[in-house]
Protein backbone atom coordinates (compact mmCIF):
# COMPACT_ATOMS: atom_id res chain seq x y z
CA MET A 1 81.24 22.58 -194.85
CA ARG A 2 78.51 23.23 -192.33
CA LYS A 3 76.55 26.40 -192.50
CA TYR A 4 74.94 26.77 -188.99
CA ILE A 5 76.81 24.37 -186.47
CA ASP A 6 80.75 23.84 -187.08
CA TYR A 7 82.10 20.52 -186.07
CA THR A 8 83.20 21.12 -182.51
CA GLY A 9 79.23 21.92 -181.94
CA LYS A 10 79.31 25.63 -181.73
CA LEU A 11 77.21 28.15 -183.90
CA THR A 12 78.65 29.65 -186.67
CA ALA A 13 78.19 33.28 -187.34
CA ALA A 14 75.50 32.16 -189.73
CA GLY A 15 73.98 29.78 -186.71
CA GLN A 16 73.95 32.86 -184.55
CA LYS A 17 71.98 34.91 -186.79
CA VAL A 18 69.40 32.42 -187.44
CA THR A 19 69.13 31.79 -183.77
CA ALA A 20 68.45 35.71 -183.14
CA GLU A 21 65.80 35.56 -185.68
CA LEU A 22 63.97 32.39 -184.37
CA TYR A 23 64.13 33.38 -180.61
CA ASP A 24 61.34 36.11 -180.43
CA PRO A 25 58.77 34.44 -182.69
CA ALA A 26 59.19 30.90 -181.31
CA ILE A 27 59.50 31.87 -177.52
CA SER A 28 56.47 34.18 -177.85
CA ALA A 29 54.39 31.62 -179.60
CA MET A 30 55.14 28.85 -176.85
CA ILE A 31 54.31 31.50 -174.02
CA LYS A 32 50.95 32.24 -175.57
CA TRP A 33 50.10 28.44 -175.97
CA LEU A 34 50.76 28.12 -172.22
CA ALA A 35 49.12 31.46 -171.06
CA ASP A 36 46.04 30.58 -173.11
CA GLY A 37 45.95 27.08 -171.65
CA VAL A 38 46.17 25.36 -175.17
CA ALA A 39 49.66 23.95 -174.94
CA GLY A 40 48.37 20.42 -174.58
CA GLN A 41 46.80 20.87 -178.02
CA TYR A 42 50.12 21.85 -179.41
CA SER A 43 52.15 19.00 -178.12
CA ARG A 44 52.10 16.21 -180.79
CA TYR A 45 53.10 13.41 -178.53
CA GLY A 46 50.70 11.96 -175.46
CA LYS A 47 48.73 13.46 -172.77
CA LEU A 48 50.44 16.17 -170.71
CA PRO A 49 50.37 16.61 -166.98
CA ARG A 50 47.41 18.87 -166.08
CA ASN A 51 48.93 20.06 -163.01
CA VAL A 52 51.83 21.83 -164.81
CA LEU A 53 49.48 23.11 -167.47
CA ASP A 54 47.21 24.86 -165.01
CA LEU A 55 50.07 26.46 -163.06
CA ALA A 56 51.77 27.62 -166.22
CA GLU A 57 48.56 29.27 -167.36
CA PHE A 58 48.88 31.76 -164.22
CA ASP A 59 52.66 31.62 -163.43
CA ARG A 60 54.58 33.78 -165.96
CA ASP A 61 57.92 32.66 -164.70
CA LEU A 62 57.24 28.92 -165.18
CA ARG A 63 56.00 29.76 -168.83
CA GLU A 64 59.11 31.47 -169.57
CA ASP A 65 61.37 28.82 -168.18
CA ILE A 66 59.17 26.11 -170.01
CA ALA A 67 59.50 28.04 -173.47
CA LEU A 68 63.35 28.89 -173.22
CA GLU A 69 64.21 25.09 -172.17
CA THR A 70 62.07 23.94 -174.99
CA PHE A 71 63.81 26.53 -177.54
CA MET A 72 67.30 25.28 -176.15
CA ALA A 73 66.35 21.45 -176.56
CA THR A 74 64.96 22.28 -180.05
CA LEU A 75 67.96 24.38 -181.52
CA PRO A 76 70.85 21.96 -181.94
CA GLY A 77 69.03 19.33 -183.97
CA PHE A 78 67.13 21.68 -185.89
CA LEU A 79 70.22 23.48 -186.69
CA ALA A 80 71.90 20.21 -187.78
CA ARG A 81 68.95 19.37 -189.88
CA LEU A 82 69.20 22.87 -191.54
CA ASP A 83 73.03 21.71 -192.53
CA ARG A 84 71.73 18.56 -194.09
CA GLU A 85 68.56 19.71 -195.90
CA PHE A 86 65.87 22.62 -195.88
CA ASP A 87 63.30 22.80 -198.50
CA ASP A 88 62.08 26.53 -198.24
CA THR A 89 59.33 26.00 -200.90
CA ARG A 90 57.43 23.98 -198.07
CA SER A 91 57.63 26.24 -195.20
CA SER A 92 59.25 29.21 -193.76
CA MET A 93 62.50 28.54 -191.30
CA ARG A 94 60.40 30.17 -188.63
CA THR A 95 57.27 27.98 -189.15
CA TYR A 96 59.64 24.84 -189.60
CA PHE A 97 61.49 25.79 -186.39
CA ILE A 98 58.10 26.40 -184.23
CA GLY A 99 56.82 22.89 -185.60
CA ALA A 100 60.20 21.47 -184.18
CA CYS A 101 59.52 23.16 -180.80
CA ARG A 102 55.88 21.70 -180.74
CA ASN A 103 57.74 18.21 -181.02
CA ARG A 104 59.81 19.09 -177.97
CA LEU A 105 57.36 20.91 -175.69
CA GLY A 106 55.51 17.94 -174.30
CA ASP A 107 59.02 16.45 -173.13
CA VAL A 108 59.75 19.84 -171.19
CA ILE A 109 56.57 20.24 -169.75
CA ARG A 110 56.64 16.58 -168.59
CA ALA A 111 59.87 17.29 -166.89
CA HIS A 112 58.20 20.06 -164.93
CA GLN A 113 55.51 18.02 -163.28
CA VAL A 114 55.23 18.45 -159.68
CA THR A 115 52.69 17.57 -157.31
CA ILE A 116 50.82 21.03 -156.93
CA ALA A 117 47.58 19.89 -155.19
CA GLU A 118 49.54 17.95 -152.22
CA LEU A 119 52.24 20.35 -150.69
CA ARG A 120 54.35 18.41 -148.20
CA PRO A 121 53.08 18.50 -144.64
CA ASN A 122 56.36 19.61 -143.20
CA THR A 123 56.48 22.92 -145.31
CA ASP A 124 52.91 23.53 -144.36
CA GLU A 125 53.92 23.52 -140.84
CA LEU A 126 56.98 25.46 -141.31
CA PHE A 127 54.78 28.11 -142.84
CA ALA A 128 52.46 28.15 -139.85
CA VAL A 129 55.31 28.77 -137.63
CA LEU A 130 56.63 31.65 -139.76
CA ARG A 131 53.23 33.47 -139.68
CA SER A 132 52.65 32.83 -135.77
CA PRO A 133 54.48 35.36 -133.50
CA ASP A 134 54.16 32.81 -130.70
CA ALA A 135 55.77 29.70 -132.30
CA GLY A 136 59.24 29.64 -130.51
CA LEU A 137 60.70 32.30 -132.84
CA ALA A 138 60.98 35.10 -130.06
CA ASP A 139 64.90 34.98 -130.27
CA PHE A 140 64.55 35.15 -134.23
CA GLU A 141 65.90 38.91 -134.82
CA GLY A 142 64.40 40.06 -138.14
CA ARG A 143 61.49 37.45 -138.18
CA ASP A 144 59.25 40.11 -139.36
CA LEU A 145 61.64 40.79 -142.51
CA ALA A 146 62.36 37.34 -143.23
CA ARG A 147 58.32 36.76 -142.99
CA TYR A 148 57.89 39.63 -145.45
CA LEU A 149 60.52 38.14 -148.10
CA LEU A 150 59.24 34.80 -147.93
CA LEU A 151 55.51 35.56 -148.12
CA ARG A 152 56.51 37.39 -151.53
CA ALA A 153 58.21 34.63 -153.14
CA PRO A 154 56.74 32.51 -155.49
CA ASP A 155 55.06 29.29 -153.83
CA ASP A 156 57.49 26.72 -154.99
CA LEU A 157 60.22 29.04 -154.09
CA ARG A 158 58.93 29.93 -150.71
CA ASP A 159 58.81 26.01 -149.97
CA VAL A 160 62.27 25.62 -150.87
CA LEU A 161 63.45 28.46 -148.86
CA MET A 162 61.51 27.34 -145.70
CA LEU A 163 63.17 23.92 -145.68
CA HIS A 164 66.64 25.64 -146.41
CA ILE A 165 66.33 27.95 -143.50
CA TYR A 166 64.79 25.45 -140.71
CA ASP A 167 66.18 22.12 -142.06
CA GLY A 168 69.52 23.66 -143.35
CA ILE A 169 69.83 21.78 -146.31
CA THR A 170 70.86 23.32 -149.59
CA VAL A 171 68.57 24.79 -151.93
CA PHE A 172 69.52 22.13 -154.52
CA ASP A 173 68.52 19.32 -151.67
CA ALA A 174 65.30 21.09 -150.78
CA ALA A 175 64.17 21.41 -154.39
CA THR A 176 64.51 17.82 -154.85
CA GLU A 177 62.93 16.68 -151.94
CA LEU A 178 59.85 18.76 -152.92
CA GLY A 179 59.91 17.13 -156.19
CA LEU A 180 61.02 20.38 -157.99
CA ASN A 181 63.62 21.01 -160.89
CA PRO A 182 66.45 22.56 -159.26
CA SER A 183 67.31 24.37 -162.27
CA THR A 184 63.75 26.16 -162.23
CA VAL A 185 64.09 27.02 -158.59
CA ARG A 186 67.83 28.52 -159.19
CA THR A 187 66.00 30.68 -161.89
CA GLN A 188 63.22 31.50 -159.65
CA LEU A 189 65.89 32.52 -156.86
CA ARG A 190 67.66 34.75 -159.23
CA ARG A 191 64.52 36.59 -160.32
CA PHE A 192 63.46 36.91 -156.54
CA LYS A 193 66.63 38.28 -155.42
CA LYS A 194 66.73 40.97 -158.52
CA LYS A 195 63.11 42.03 -156.96
CA ILE A 196 64.43 42.38 -153.81
CA LEU A 197 67.34 44.46 -155.10
CA ARG A 198 64.82 46.79 -156.74
CA GLN A 199 62.79 46.94 -153.56
CA HIS A 200 65.85 47.83 -151.50
CA PHE A 201 67.32 50.47 -153.69
CA LEU A 202 64.01 52.17 -153.96
CA GLY A 203 63.92 52.27 -150.22
CA GLU A 204 60.75 50.14 -149.88
CA ILE A 205 62.85 47.35 -147.54
CA ALA A 206 66.09 47.58 -145.88
CA ILE A 207 68.24 44.47 -145.81
CA PRO A 208 71.09 44.27 -143.19
CA GLU A 209 74.66 44.53 -144.68
CA ASP A 210 75.84 41.78 -142.45
CA THR A 211 73.63 39.08 -144.14
CA GLY A 212 74.44 36.95 -147.12
CA LEU A 213 71.61 38.55 -148.85
CA GLY A 214 72.79 41.94 -147.59
CA GLN A 215 76.03 41.46 -149.14
CA TRP A 216 75.00 40.22 -152.41
CA ILE A 217 72.77 43.38 -152.52
CA ARG A 218 75.78 45.50 -151.86
CA ALA A 219 77.82 43.93 -154.75
CA ARG A 220 75.03 43.91 -157.27
CA SER A 221 74.16 47.66 -156.11
CA GLN A 222 77.85 48.61 -156.86
CA VAL A 223 77.39 46.85 -160.45
CA GLU A 224 73.81 48.28 -161.26
CA PHE A 225 73.35 51.36 -159.37
CA GLY A 226 76.86 52.95 -158.46
CA ASP A 227 77.02 51.76 -154.93
CA PRO A 228 74.12 53.28 -153.04
CA PRO A 229 74.01 53.25 -149.19
CA LEU A 230 72.28 50.40 -147.53
CA ARG A 231 68.78 52.15 -146.38
CA GLY A 232 67.48 52.05 -142.84
CA ASN A 233 68.19 50.55 -139.81
CA ALA A 234 66.25 47.05 -140.27
CA THR A 235 66.42 44.30 -137.75
CA ARG A 236 68.95 41.55 -138.34
CA VAL A 237 67.70 38.95 -140.73
CA VAL A 238 68.31 35.45 -139.63
CA ALA A 239 71.72 34.12 -140.64
CA ARG A 240 70.40 31.17 -142.24
CA LEU A 241 68.46 33.24 -144.78
CA ARG A 242 71.81 32.97 -146.79
CA VAL A 243 70.33 33.24 -150.38
CA GLY A 244 73.15 35.07 -151.51
């Protein structure tokens, strides 16, 4: 009988318990390697892309994404091996699992490789347009608010949103065009929207209700904060900034 993963591939109660015990130490270890700039030393197979390692050293969200993806990629095979054999006289289960994560870390980092030094010219131009008050955006109601939001988005997410707004393509397609991992961009987008939600609730910014983002904030506010009123009389955000 399998102890940790049943025959349908689902975690048993014992598997869930082990997963919970392994999560914090493994995630913390990998985040520390990335923050300290030593992840390359802990990857056992091949040279890792320097651009991703450099970005991860300063980008907390990227560190968390890499650590979580490595954890999830490592866990099923690790628990399957535990079902077959595990010699606890040689190492603790925690040490054994972190070692398994080391074997996976390089593959996950390589999957995140992006051309950081060479931003696409079109996104540079879009950002210049967004910054300039005389760049043909006179009819853009809410330009200042949209600029405020975009300037505070993580760099990769900002580039994706500018393509989304100006070229009218989906967030997924924009991420792909920029050579970014769409799942990572979706994670960044969720975190950024939650940050905006907090700022809106605290009265630091006001998002009009008749936008996609405003409707999302209204729905989330009902869940998290008990439906506070939308604050202020902010100008209308461009209709295409529909990240909700």
